């Protein structure tokens, strides 16, 4: 399961956002720094309307969506890489996640204290990215020291030192590991380090409800920075999302419509986080359940079957496969078969986004 860490400066709306993501989460959203000391963890469903369509076609008794695990990590401050605030502890929590959701304050509110005294997304992003980069630089320099001794006799160690020195030079220039171009061999050499500034990132621009539909000048600053990093930006309003959680399901659409949007930013954020690492969804469907399964881009049919159970991969024979759109248009598997839309795929087939699959295998 994908793990995404929610980070940012204190009082930017991280815990409010987390509480909205996981309605029953107990993260304390208080108006003072370091109110979140231990990371709070919550598992949320990935919104996918295709599940409802498939469940209706199959008469499924249960729907099981794909899921993402979110970790609410306490606010970082300037100097965190040297242990300021509770920095070292929090940086270790970030090291354990697959992707980062960086919440950036893009709203004015005199009642909510900003640790730097004013709202400035560019400065806030720079502070967080600098601390992550400094922590990486310290780790890389130590690694270079150890690996240089091995490099006298090992070509692999020599290659690793070359990559580490390349990264160190970029970090010293104020760049992140994400911004350094690495080939697959180079990336594999440093994969085990779990470098903080190398993790995929989404910037969550946290706005007031008045700016949810259109954004504001602060959001534009975030977009400019994200564009230079090849990162994504999602506009959210943590306050709106916390209010949505309290409303009955039937009233939520009207509330959002009154703000000029069709859905809250959280759905976009969850989907963006899910796709950030190149993940794909395929489906199984029947009377018992309709379920979304998460795979990595490029997985073959046997590998996708193995996500359900290792026996499915070992005994794989074939996969009866139909595209979601084709199944939706025909209204059922039998009709899709009559039109020749159901394919029998073998071991080399690369599963596509939205495939609906039935696996045949030997026990």
Protein backbone atom coordinates (compact mmCIF):
# COMPACT_ATOMS: atom_id res chain seq x y z
CA UNK A 1 0.00 0.00 0.00
CA UNK A 2 1.25 3.47 -0.90
CA UNK A 3 2.27 5.56 2.12
CA UNK A 4 2.16 9.34 1.76
CA UNK A 5 3.49 11.70 4.43
CA UNK A 6 1.77 15.05 5.01
CA UNK A 7 4.42 17.66 5.82
CA UNK A 8 4.72 21.43 6.13
CA UNK A 9 5.48 24.22 8.57
CA UNK A 10 3.46 24.36 11.81
CA UNK A 11 -0.04 25.85 11.52
CA UNK A 12 -0.46 25.47 7.76
CA UNK A 13 -3.45 23.14 8.11
CA UNK A 14 -1.79 19.70 8.02
CA UNK A 15 -3.70 18.12 10.88
CA UNK A 16 -6.99 19.73 9.83
CA UNK A 17 -6.43 18.24 6.39
CA UNK A 18 -5.57 14.86 7.87
CA UNK A 19 -8.69 14.87 10.04
CA UNK A 20 -10.76 15.55 6.94
CA UNK A 21 -8.97 12.79 5.02
CA UNK A 22 -9.67 10.31 7.76
CA UNK A 23 -12.93 11.42 9.35
CA UNK A 24 -12.41 9.38 12.48
CA UNK A 25 -8.74 10.32 12.88
CA UNK A 26 -7.76 11.64 16.28
CA UNK A 27 -4.99 14.01 15.18
CA UNK A 28 -5.18 17.12 17.33
CA UNK A 29 -5.59 20.26 15.21
CA UNK A 30 -4.48 22.91 17.70
CA UNK A 31 -3.28 26.44 17.10
CA UNK A 32 0.28 26.01 18.33
CA UNK A 33 3.44 24.38 16.92
CA UNK A 34 4.29 20.72 17.54
CA UNK A 35 0.77 19.70 18.53
CA UNK A 36 1.42 16.57 16.42
CA UNK A 37 4.34 14.70 17.98
CA UNK A 38 3.80 11.09 16.94
CA UNK A 39 2.76 10.58 13.32
CA UNK A 40 -0.93 9.81 12.98
CA UNK A 41 -1.75 7.19 10.39
CA UNK A 42 -4.98 6.77 8.48
CA UNK A 43 -6.05 4.63 5.53
CA UNK A 44 -8.35 6.28 2.99
CA UNK A 45 -10.17 4.98 -0.08
CA UNK A 46 -9.23 6.18 -3.55
CA UNK A 47 -12.38 7.73 -5.12
CA UNK A 48 -13.31 5.83 -8.29
CA UNK A 49 -16.77 6.04 -9.85
CA UNK A 50 -15.99 3.03 -12.04
CA UNK A 51 -16.47 0.78 -9.03
CA UNK A 52 -20.12 1.77 -8.70
CA UNK A 53 -20.77 1.10 -12.39
CA UNK A 54 -19.14 -2.33 -12.27
CA UNK A 55 -20.93 -3.24 -9.03
CA UNK A 56 -24.28 -2.37 -10.62
CA UNK A 57 -23.49 -4.48 -13.71
CA UNK A 58 -22.45 -7.48 -11.58
CA UNK A 59 -24.99 -7.02 -8.78
CA UNK A 60 -22.09 -7.02 -6.32
CA UNK A 61 -22.83 -7.32 -2.62
CA UNK A 62 -19.70 -5.35 -1.68
CA UNK A 63 -17.42 -2.68 -3.15
CA UNK A 64 -13.74 -2.61 -2.14
CA UNK A 65 -11.79 0.42 -3.41
CA UNK A 66 -8.03 0.90 -3.66
CA UNK A 67 -6.51 2.51 -0.58
CA UNK A 68 -3.75 4.95 0.34
CA UNK A 69 -2.15 5.30 3.76
CA UNK A 70 -1.61 8.90 4.91
CA UNK A 71 0.79 9.81 7.71
CA UNK A 72 0.34 13.16 9.48
CA UNK A 73 3.89 14.27 10.33
CA UNK A 74 4.52 17.10 12.80
CA UNK A 75 5.45 20.59 11.59
CA UNK A 76 9.03 21.14 10.52
CA UNK A 77 10.81 24.40 11.28
CA UNK A 78 13.97 26.12 10.08
CA UNK A 79 16.94 24.20 11.49
CA UNK A 80 15.09 20.86 11.61
CA UNK A 81 18.00 19.09 9.91
CA UNK A 82 20.16 20.15 12.88
CA UNK A 83 17.49 19.02 15.34
CA UNK A 84 15.56 22.28 15.80
CA UNK A 85 11.99 21.80 17.02
CA UNK A 86 11.62 18.05 16.97
CA UNK A 87 13.32 17.90 13.59
CA UNK A 88 15.41 14.74 13.61
CA UNK A 89 12.50 12.66 14.87
CA UNK A 90 10.16 14.03 12.20
CA UNK A 91 12.70 13.66 9.39
CA UNK A 92 12.97 9.97 10.21
CA UNK A 93 9.19 9.65 9.83
CA UNK A 94 9.39 11.24 6.36
CA UNK A 95 12.12 8.79 5.37
CA UNK A 96 9.65 5.92 5.81
CA UNK A 97 7.00 7.17 3.33
CA UNK A 98 6.80 6.65 -0.45
CA UNK A 99 5.59 10.12 -1.38
CA UNK A 100 5.26 13.55 0.21
CA UNK A 101 2.20 15.81 0.37
CA UNK A 102 3.62 19.24 1.22
CA UNK A 103 0.84 21.44 2.60
CA UNK A 104 1.51 25.12 1.88
CA UNK A 105 -0.45 27.90 3.53
CA UNK A 106 -2.12 30.06 0.87
CA UNK A 107 -4.65 31.92 3.03
CA UNK A 108 -4.68 34.95 5.32
CA UNK A 109 -6.15 34.59 8.80
CA UNK A 110 -5.10 36.80 11.72
CA UNK A 111 -6.51 34.27 14.18
CA UNK A 112 -4.11 31.52 13.07
CA UNK A 113 -0.50 32.26 13.95
CA UNK A 114 2.16 31.75 11.27
CA UNK A 115 5.50 30.72 12.74
CA UNK A 116 7.32 33.15 10.42
CA UNK A 117 4.91 36.01 11.09
CA UNK A 118 3.49 36.31 7.56
CA UNK A 119 2.08 34.27 4.67
CA UNK A 120 4.71 33.61 1.99
CA UNK A 121 4.43 30.26 0.15
CA UNK A 122 7.77 30.62 -1.65
CA UNK A 123 9.62 31.17 1.64
CA UNK A 124 7.74 28.33 3.36
CA UNK A 125 8.49 25.88 0.55
CA UNK A 126 12.13 26.91 0.55
CA UNK A 127 12.41 26.30 4.31
CA UNK A 128 11.00 22.76 4.07
CA UNK A 129 12.94 21.86 0.93
CA UNK A 130 16.16 23.27 2.40
CA UNK A 131 15.79 21.19 5.57
CA UNK A 132 15.11 18.03 3.58
CA UNK A 133 18.07 18.81 1.33
CA UNK A 134 20.41 19.49 4.25
CA UNK A 135 19.43 16.22 5.90
CA UNK A 136 20.14 14.43 2.60
CA UNK A 137 23.49 16.20 2.21
CA UNK A 138 24.60 15.11 5.69
CA UNK A 139 23.60 11.52 4.91
CA UNK A 140 25.31 11.56 1.50
CA UNK A 141 28.57 13.00 2.84
CA UNK A 142 28.74 10.25 5.47
CA UNK A 143 28.01 7.63 2.82
CA UNK A 144 30.75 9.00 0.54
CA UNK A 145 33.24 8.77 3.41
CA UNK A 146 32.41 5.09 4.02
CA UNK A 147 32.15 4.09 0.36
CA UNK A 148 35.44 5.69 -0.77
CA UNK A 149 37.37 3.04 1.14
CA UNK A 150 35.53 0.27 -0.74
CA UNK A 151 35.96 2.13 -4.05
CA UNK A 152 39.68 1.25 -4.10
CA UNK A 153 38.81 -2.33 -4.98
CA UNK A 154 35.14 -2.25 -6.08
CA UNK A 155 33.85 -0.86 -9.37
CA UNK A 156 30.31 -0.76 -7.97
CA UNK A 157 31.51 1.35 -5.04
CA UNK A 158 33.30 3.65 -7.50
CA UNK A 159 30.04 4.09 -9.42
CA UNK A 160 28.15 4.79 -6.21
CA UNK A 161 30.66 7.45 -5.12
CA UNK A 162 30.28 9.14 -8.53
CA UNK A 163 26.49 9.29 -8.13
CA UNK A 164 26.73 10.52 -4.53
CA UNK A 165 29.16 13.27 -5.51
CA UNK A 166 26.81 14.30 -8.32
CA UNK A 167 23.93 14.55 -5.82
CA UNK A 168 26.06 16.40 -3.25
CA UNK A 169 27.01 19.03 -5.84
CA UNK A 170 23.34 19.59 -6.73
CA UNK A 171 22.28 19.82 -3.08
CA UNK A 172 25.05 22.35 -2.41
CA UNK A 173 23.54 24.45 -5.22
CA UNK A 174 20.17 24.41 -3.44
CA UNK A 175 18.56 21.81 -5.72
CA UNK A 176 16.66 18.74 -4.56
CA UNK A 177 17.53 15.15 -5.44
CA UNK A 178 14.28 15.13 -7.49
CA UNK A 179 15.80 17.71 -9.83
CA UNK A 180 18.91 15.63 -10.61
CA UNK A 181 18.73 13.54 -13.78
CA UNK A 182 19.73 9.95 -13.01
CA UNK A 183 19.71 6.90 -15.27
CA UNK A 184 18.24 3.64 -13.98
CA UNK A 185 21.62 2.26 -12.90
CA UNK A 186 22.42 5.41 -10.91
CA UNK A 187 18.95 5.46 -9.34
CA UNK A 188 19.33 1.83 -8.24
CA UNK A 189 22.65 2.58 -6.55
CA UNK A 190 21.13 5.16 -4.19
CA UNK A 191 17.64 3.66 -3.83
CA UNK A 192 18.34 2.20 -0.40
CA UNK A 193 19.24 5.59 1.08
CA UNK A 194 15.61 6.79 1.08
CA UNK A 195 16.70 10.36 0.35
CA UNK A 196 14.09 12.86 1.53
CA UNK A 197 14.36 15.40 -1.26
CA UNK A 198 14.24 12.60 -3.83
CA UNK A 199 10.75 11.47 -2.91
CA UNK A 200 7.89 12.31 -5.32
CA UNK A 201 5.98 15.35 -4.07
CA UNK A 202 2.58 17.00 -4.39
CA UNK A 203 2.09 20.55 -3.18
CA UNK A 204 -1.29 20.94 -1.49
CA UNK A 205 -2.11 24.66 -1.69
CA UNK A 206 -4.36 25.25 1.31
CA UNK A 207 -6.75 28.14 0.61
CA UNK A 208 -9.80 29.72 2.22
CA UNK A 209 -13.23 28.64 1.00
CA UNK A 210 -13.53 31.83 -1.11
CA UNK A 211 -10.50 30.79 -3.20
CA UNK A 212 -11.23 27.08 -3.57
CA UNK A 213 -12.72 27.43 -7.06
CA UNK A 214 -10.19 29.83 -8.56
CA UNK A 215 -7.07 29.83 -6.39
CA UNK A 216 -5.21 33.08 -5.65
CA UNK A 217 -1.85 34.79 -6.09
CA UNK A 218 -0.29 32.56 -3.44
CA UNK A 219 -1.37 29.46 -5.37
CA UNK A 220 0.25 30.86 -8.53
CA UNK A 221 3.56 31.15 -6.65
CA UNK A 222 3.27 27.51 -5.61
CA UNK A 223 2.54 26.50 -9.22
CA UNK A 224 5.63 28.31 -10.48
CA UNK A 225 7.83 26.51 -7.97
CA UNK A 226 6.20 23.13 -8.68
CA UNK A 227 6.65 23.61 -12.43
CA UNK A 228 10.41 24.05 -11.99
CA UNK A 229 10.51 20.78 -10.00
CA UNK A 230 8.13 18.80 -12.26
CA UNK A 231 5.88 18.46 -9.19
CA UNK A 232 2.07 18.58 -9.01
CA UNK A 233 -0.18 21.13 -7.31
CA UNK A 234 -3.64 20.45 -5.90
CA UNK A 235 -5.82 23.22 -4.45
CA UNK A 236 -7.49 22.23 -1.20
CA UNK A 237 -9.29 24.00 1.60
CA UNK A 238 -8.70 22.12 4.83
CA UNK A 239 -11.41 24.16 6.53
CA UNK A 240 -13.98 23.35 3.83
CA UNK A 241 -13.06 19.68 3.97
CA UNK A 242 -13.47 19.61 7.75
CA UNK A 243 -16.93 21.13 7.34
CA UNK A 244 -17.84 18.62 4.61
CA UNK A 245 -17.07 15.73 6.94
CA UNK A 246 -19.74 17.03 9.34
CA UNK A 247 -22.44 17.26 6.65
CA UNK A 248 -24.79 14.44 5.60
CA UNK A 249 -23.70 12.88 2.30
CA UNK A 250 -26.75 14.26 0.47
CA UNK A 251 -25.94 17.86 1.43
CA UNK A 252 -22.28 17.87 0.40
CA UNK A 253 -22.81 18.41 -3.34
CA UNK A 254 -24.98 21.49 -2.69
CA UNK A 255 -22.40 22.92 -0.29
CA UNK A 256 -19.61 22.47 -2.84
CA UNK A 257 -21.76 23.91 -5.61
CA UNK A 258 -22.28 27.03 -3.50
CA UNK A 259 -18.49 27.43 -3.50
CA UNK A 260 -18.28 27.00 -7.28
CA UNK A 261 -16.72 23.51 -7.36
CA UNK A 262 -17.99 20.03 -8.21
CA UNK A 263 -15.88 18.18 -5.68
CA UNK A 264 -13.63 19.01 -2.76
CA UNK A 265 -9.88 19.21 -3.18
CA UNK A 266 -9.36 16.07 -1.12
CA UNK A 267 -10.66 13.75 -3.85
CA UNK A 268 -8.22 15.34 -6.29
CA UNK A 269 -5.44 15.06 -3.71
CA UNK A 270 -6.09 11.37 -3.03
CA UNK A 271 -6.18 10.55 -6.75
CA UNK A 272 -3.06 12.60 -7.45
CA UNK A 273 -1.22 10.87 -4.61
CA UNK A 274 -2.28 7.47 -5.91
CA UNK A 275 -1.01 8.15 -9.45
CA UNK A 276 2.17 9.94 -8.33
CA UNK A 277 4.21 6.74 -8.25
CA UNK A 278 2.96 5.44 -11.58
CA UNK A 279 0.29 3.18 -10.09
CA UNK A 280 -2.54 1.64 -12.09
CA UNK A 281 -5.88 0.10 -11.20
CA UNK A 282 -7.44 -3.05 -12.54
CA UNK A 283 -10.74 -4.55 -11.40
CA UNK A 284 -12.30 -7.87 -10.53
CA UNK A 285 -16.08 -7.99 -10.38
CA UNK A 286 -18.82 -10.50 -9.62
CA UNK A 287 -21.88 -11.06 -7.42
CA UNK A 288 -19.78 -11.28 -4.26
CA UNK A 289 -17.70 -8.11 -4.72
CA UNK A 290 -16.31 -5.52 -7.10
CA UNK A 291 -12.76 -4.64 -6.18
CA UNK A 292 -10.00 -2.27 -7.30
CA UNK A 293 -6.48 -3.69 -7.27
CA UNK A 294 -3.34 -1.57 -7.25
CA UNK A 295 -0.41 -2.45 -9.49
CA UNK A 296 2.69 -0.69 -10.79
CA UNK A 297 2.80 0.46 -14.40
CA UNK A 298 4.30 -2.25 -16.61
CA UNK A 299 3.15 -5.25 -14.57
CA UNK A 300 2.22 -8.34 -16.57
CA UNK A 301 -0.96 -10.37 -16.11
CA UNK A 302 0.69 -13.00 -13.86
CA UNK A 303 2.22 -10.26 -11.69
CA UNK A 304 -1.17 -8.57 -11.41
CA UNK A 305 -2.71 -11.90 -10.44
CA UNK A 306 -0.04 -12.24 -7.76
CA UNK A 307 -1.33 -9.07 -6.10
CA UNK A 308 -4.47 -11.05 -5.25
CA UNK A 309 -2.59 -14.18 -4.14
CA UNK A 310 0.83 -15.64 -4.86
CA UNK A 311 -0.85 -18.92 -5.95
CA UNK A 312 -2.56 -17.01 -8.77
CA UNK A 313 0.82 -15.93 -10.14
CA UNK A 314 2.51 -19.31 -9.77
CA UNK A 315 -0.35 -21.23 -11.42
CA UNK A 316 -1.32 -18.56 -13.98
CA UNK A 317 -2.85 -19.93 -17.20
CA UNK A 318 -4.58 -16.93 -18.78
CA UNK A 319 -6.60 -13.81 -17.98
CA UNK A 320 -10.01 -13.12 -19.46
CA UNK A 321 -9.79 -9.38 -19.95
CA UNK A 322 -12.12 -6.59 -21.05
CA UNK A 323 -11.57 -2.84 -20.96
CA UNK A 324 -13.75 -1.00 -18.44
CA UNK A 325 -15.18 1.29 -21.14
CA UNK A 326 -16.18 -1.67 -23.31
CA UNK A 327 -17.84 -3.47 -20.40
CA UNK A 328 -19.67 -0.30 -19.39
CA UNK A 329 -21.00 0.26 -22.91
CA UNK A 330 -22.21 -3.31 -23.41
CA UNK A 331 -23.68 -3.58 -19.92
CA UNK A 332 -22.31 -6.99 -18.97
CA UNK A 333 -19.68 -9.67 -19.53
CA UNK A 334 -21.90 -11.89 -21.70
CA UNK A 335 -22.77 -9.01 -24.02
CA UNK A 336 -19.12 -8.01 -24.20
CA UNK A 337 -18.18 -11.59 -25.15
CA UNK A 338 -20.81 -11.65 -27.90
CA UNK A 339 -19.26 -8.51 -29.39
CA UNK A 340 -15.76 -10.03 -29.21
CA UNK A 341 -14.55 -7.49 -26.64
CA UNK A 342 -13.37 -10.03 -24.06
CA UNK A 343 -9.80 -11.11 -24.75
CA UNK A 344 -7.79 -14.11 -23.54
CA UNK A 345 -4.43 -12.68 -22.46
CA UNK A 346 -1.31 -14.71 -21.69
CA UNK A 347 1.78 -14.37 -19.52
CA UNK A 348 3.34 -11.51 -21.53
CA UNK A 349 0.31 -9.23 -21.47
CA UNK A 350 0.96 -5.86 -19.78
CA UNK A 351 -2.11 -4.88 -17.76
CA UNK A 352 -3.70 -1.59 -18.77
CA UNK A 353 -5.46 1.01 -16.62
CA UNK A 354 -9.08 0.01 -16.06
CA UNK A 355 -8.80 -3.61 -17.25
CA UNK A 356 -11.50 -5.86 -15.80
CA UNK A 357 -9.94 -9.30 -15.31
CA UNK A 358 -10.83 -12.88 -14.47
CA UNK A 359 -7.81 -15.11 -13.88
CA UNK A 360 -7.60 -18.78 -14.78
CA UNK A 361 -4.93 -20.69 -12.88
CA UNK A 362 -3.80 -24.14 -11.71
CA UNK A 363 -3.69 -24.73 -7.98
